[in-house]
Protein backbone atom coordinates (compact mmCIF):
# COMPACT_ATOMS: atom_id res chain seq x y z
CA MET A 1 146.93 -117.32 140.83
CA SER A 2 148.60 -119.73 139.01
CA ARG A 3 152.95 -119.75 138.45
CA GLN A 4 152.37 -118.84 134.66
CA SER A 5 150.94 -115.37 135.75
CA LEU A 6 153.90 -114.72 138.33
CA PRO A 7 156.54 -112.74 136.40
CA THR A 8 159.55 -114.10 136.52
CA ARG A 9 161.85 -111.42 135.50
CA LEU A 10 161.16 -107.47 135.37
CA SER A 11 159.32 -107.23 131.92
CA ASP A 12 159.79 -104.31 129.79
CA ALA A 13 156.50 -103.25 130.83
CA THR A 14 157.86 -102.21 134.17
CA PHE A 15 161.00 -100.10 132.91
CA PRO A 16 158.76 -97.08 132.12
CA PHE A 17 157.33 -97.34 135.78
CA PHE A 18 160.70 -97.07 137.41
CA HIS A 19 161.90 -94.70 134.89
CA SER A 20 158.89 -92.31 135.57
CA LEU A 21 159.77 -92.64 139.56
CA GLN A 22 163.27 -92.03 139.55
CA THR A 23 162.44 -88.83 137.36
CA GLU A 24 160.06 -87.72 139.99
CA MET A 25 162.15 -88.43 142.92
CA ASN A 26 165.26 -86.08 141.34
CA GLN A 27 162.80 -83.46 140.35
CA MET A 28 161.51 -83.31 143.94
CA PHE A 29 165.17 -83.11 145.26
CA ASP A 30 165.98 -80.70 142.93
CA ARG A 31 163.17 -78.49 144.09
CA PHE A 32 164.45 -79.28 147.19
CA ARG A 33 167.70 -78.05 146.64
CA GLY A 34 166.28 -74.93 144.49
CA ALA A 35 167.53 -76.37 141.00
CA GLN A 36 165.63 -74.48 138.30
CA SER A 37 166.16 -76.80 135.21
CA ASP A 38 166.33 -79.90 134.36
CA GLU A 39 170.42 -80.30 134.40
CA PRO A 40 171.77 -82.64 137.43
CA VAL A 41 172.60 -80.68 140.09
CA ASP A 42 176.41 -80.13 141.59
CA MET A 43 176.25 -80.68 145.06
CA PHE A 44 180.12 -79.61 145.64
CA SER A 45 179.33 -76.00 143.61
CA PRO A 46 179.52 -72.92 145.71
CA LEU A 47 175.89 -72.26 144.94
CA THR A 48 174.78 -75.62 146.25
CA ARG A 49 176.88 -75.69 149.26
CA PRO A 50 174.98 -75.59 152.42
CA LEU A 51 175.60 -72.27 154.38
CA PHE A 52 177.68 -74.53 156.86
CA PRO A 53 181.07 -73.30 158.39
CA ALA A 54 183.92 -75.59 157.88
CA VAL A 55 186.27 -75.58 161.02
CA ASP A 56 189.50 -76.80 162.06
CA ILE A 57 189.98 -77.66 165.82
CA ALA A 58 193.44 -78.15 167.42
CA GLU A 59 193.56 -78.99 171.44
CA THR A 60 196.64 -78.73 173.61
CA ASP A 61 196.85 -79.01 177.00
CA GLU A 62 196.00 -75.18 177.76
CA ALA A 63 193.30 -74.47 175.10
CA VAL A 64 191.08 -75.38 172.47
CA GLU A 65 191.91 -73.43 168.97
CA ILE A 66 188.94 -73.18 166.39
CA THR A 67 189.74 -71.58 163.16
CA ALA A 68 185.50 -71.10 161.21
CA GLU A 69 185.57 -70.18 157.36
CA VAL A 70 182.93 -67.52 157.04
CA PRO A 71 183.51 -66.08 153.93
CA GLY A 72 181.28 -63.00 152.80
CA VAL A 73 180.03 -62.98 156.45
CA GLU A 74 180.47 -59.51 158.53
CA LYS A 75 181.65 -59.14 161.97
CA ASP A 76 178.24 -57.53 163.20
CA ASP A 77 176.65 -60.53 161.19
CA LEU A 78 178.39 -63.39 163.68
CA ASP A 79 177.09 -64.51 167.11
CA VAL A 80 179.44 -66.61 168.85
CA SER A 81 178.58 -68.03 172.57
CA ILE A 82 179.42 -70.71 174.69
CA SER A 83 176.48 -72.81 177.09
CA GLY A 84 176.96 -75.82 178.86
CA GLY A 85 179.91 -76.85 177.34
CA VAL A 86 178.97 -76.12 173.84
CA LEU A 87 180.30 -73.36 171.38
CA THR A 88 177.44 -72.35 168.88
CA LEU A 89 178.15 -69.76 166.23
CA LYS A 90 175.82 -68.32 164.49
CA GLY A 91 175.46 -65.90 161.52
CA GLU A 92 174.10 -64.41 158.71
CA LYS A 93 175.48 -64.45 154.74
CA GLY A 94 174.38 -62.67 151.91
CA SER A 95 176.02 -62.53 148.84
CA ASP A 96 175.27 -60.16 145.58
CA HIS A 97 176.54 -60.44 142.41
CA GLU A 98 175.65 -58.00 139.41
CA GLU A 99 176.75 -57.55 136.05
CA LYS A 100 175.94 -55.21 133.40
CA GLU A 101 176.70 -55.14 130.17
CA LYS A 102 175.41 -53.44 126.83
CA ASP A 103 172.56 -56.11 125.76
CA TYR A 104 171.61 -57.59 129.41
CA HIS A 105 171.70 -57.46 133.16
CA LEU A 106 172.24 -60.36 135.34
CA VAL A 107 171.93 -59.97 139.26
CA GLU A 108 172.67 -63.08 141.65
CA ARG A 109 172.06 -63.28 145.27
CA ARG A 110 172.35 -65.81 148.02
CA TYR A 111 171.45 -65.34 151.93
CA GLY A 112 170.55 -67.54 154.15
CA ALA A 113 171.65 -68.16 157.96
CA PHE A 114 173.92 -71.05 159.83
CA ARG A 115 174.11 -72.56 162.51
CA ARG A 116 177.44 -74.54 163.84
CA GLN A 117 177.46 -76.14 167.69
CA ILE A 118 180.82 -77.48 168.60
CA PRO A 119 181.05 -79.55 172.33
CA LEU A 120 183.88 -78.29 174.03
CA GLY A 121 183.47 -81.16 177.47
CA PHE A 122 183.87 -77.91 179.26
CA SER A 123 182.84 -74.26 180.36
CA PRO A 124 185.56 -71.91 180.03
CA GLU A 125 185.91 -68.97 183.04
CA ASP A 126 184.63 -65.69 182.11
CA GLY A 127 187.28 -64.02 179.83
CA ALA A 128 189.22 -67.00 178.78
CA VAL A 129 187.93 -66.68 175.36
CA ASP A 130 189.98 -64.90 172.61
CA ALA A 131 188.35 -64.15 169.45
CA LYS A 132 189.29 -62.79 165.80
CA PHE A 133 187.83 -62.08 163.15
CA HIS A 134 189.96 -60.92 159.76
CA ASP A 135 189.17 -61.94 155.94
CA GLY A 136 186.43 -64.15 156.33
CA LEU A 137 188.20 -66.38 159.15
CA LEU A 138 187.28 -66.33 162.80
CA LYS A 139 189.93 -67.65 165.07
CA LEU A 140 189.04 -68.37 168.67
CA ARG A 141 191.20 -69.76 171.38
CA ILE A 142 189.62 -71.28 174.39
CA ALA A 143 191.64 -71.83 177.25
CA LYS A 144 190.67 -74.36 179.65
CA PRO A 145 189.70 -74.25 183.22
CA PRO A 146 191.87 -76.04 185.67
CA ALA A 147 189.62 -78.60 186.34
CA ALA A 148 189.05 -79.31 182.71
CA LYS A 149 193.41 -79.59 182.61
CA ALA A 150 193.47 -82.11 185.61
CA ALA A 151 190.54 -84.26 184.04
CA VAL A 152 193.17 -85.62 181.76
CA GLN A 153 194.01 -89.27 182.54
CA LYS A 154 196.69 -91.25 180.97
CA ILE A 155 196.47 -94.52 180.43
CA SER A 156 199.27 -97.01 180.35
CA ILE A 157 199.17 -100.00 177.90
CA SER A 158 201.22 -103.42 178.50
CA ASN A 159 202.09 -105.69 176.50
CA SER A 160 199.56 -108.90 176.28
């Protein structure tokens, strides 16, 4: 192959290929996310947000306190367990929205299951977990066993 036959820059002829490739990749990701149109999907929209509860975790010397946001989930649809020092939050969410007007009828539904695992670093004793659920907030207080409390080692820092 001579030097003259090698492209020295991307020609205008190659741009349609890259444009077509980009379009196909966008459509593939839109199908994966469940988008139904050519419009870009807002990943922060409530309709495209993954079913993954947001959590706040606070640790004291005595316990680990966890608050999980699970709006739209009923208490009976939650499953909370601890095994091998790992807290598992599982549940199912169902959401219906219906509008009826004289000239149209709109129904939207969102369903799905979620699962979130949080390593605790210890296994609590029986009866050492207090769980409360109200208005879409699950609050857990997990008391640390004596061995976990004693496992904390304070490290002193010296000037070098």
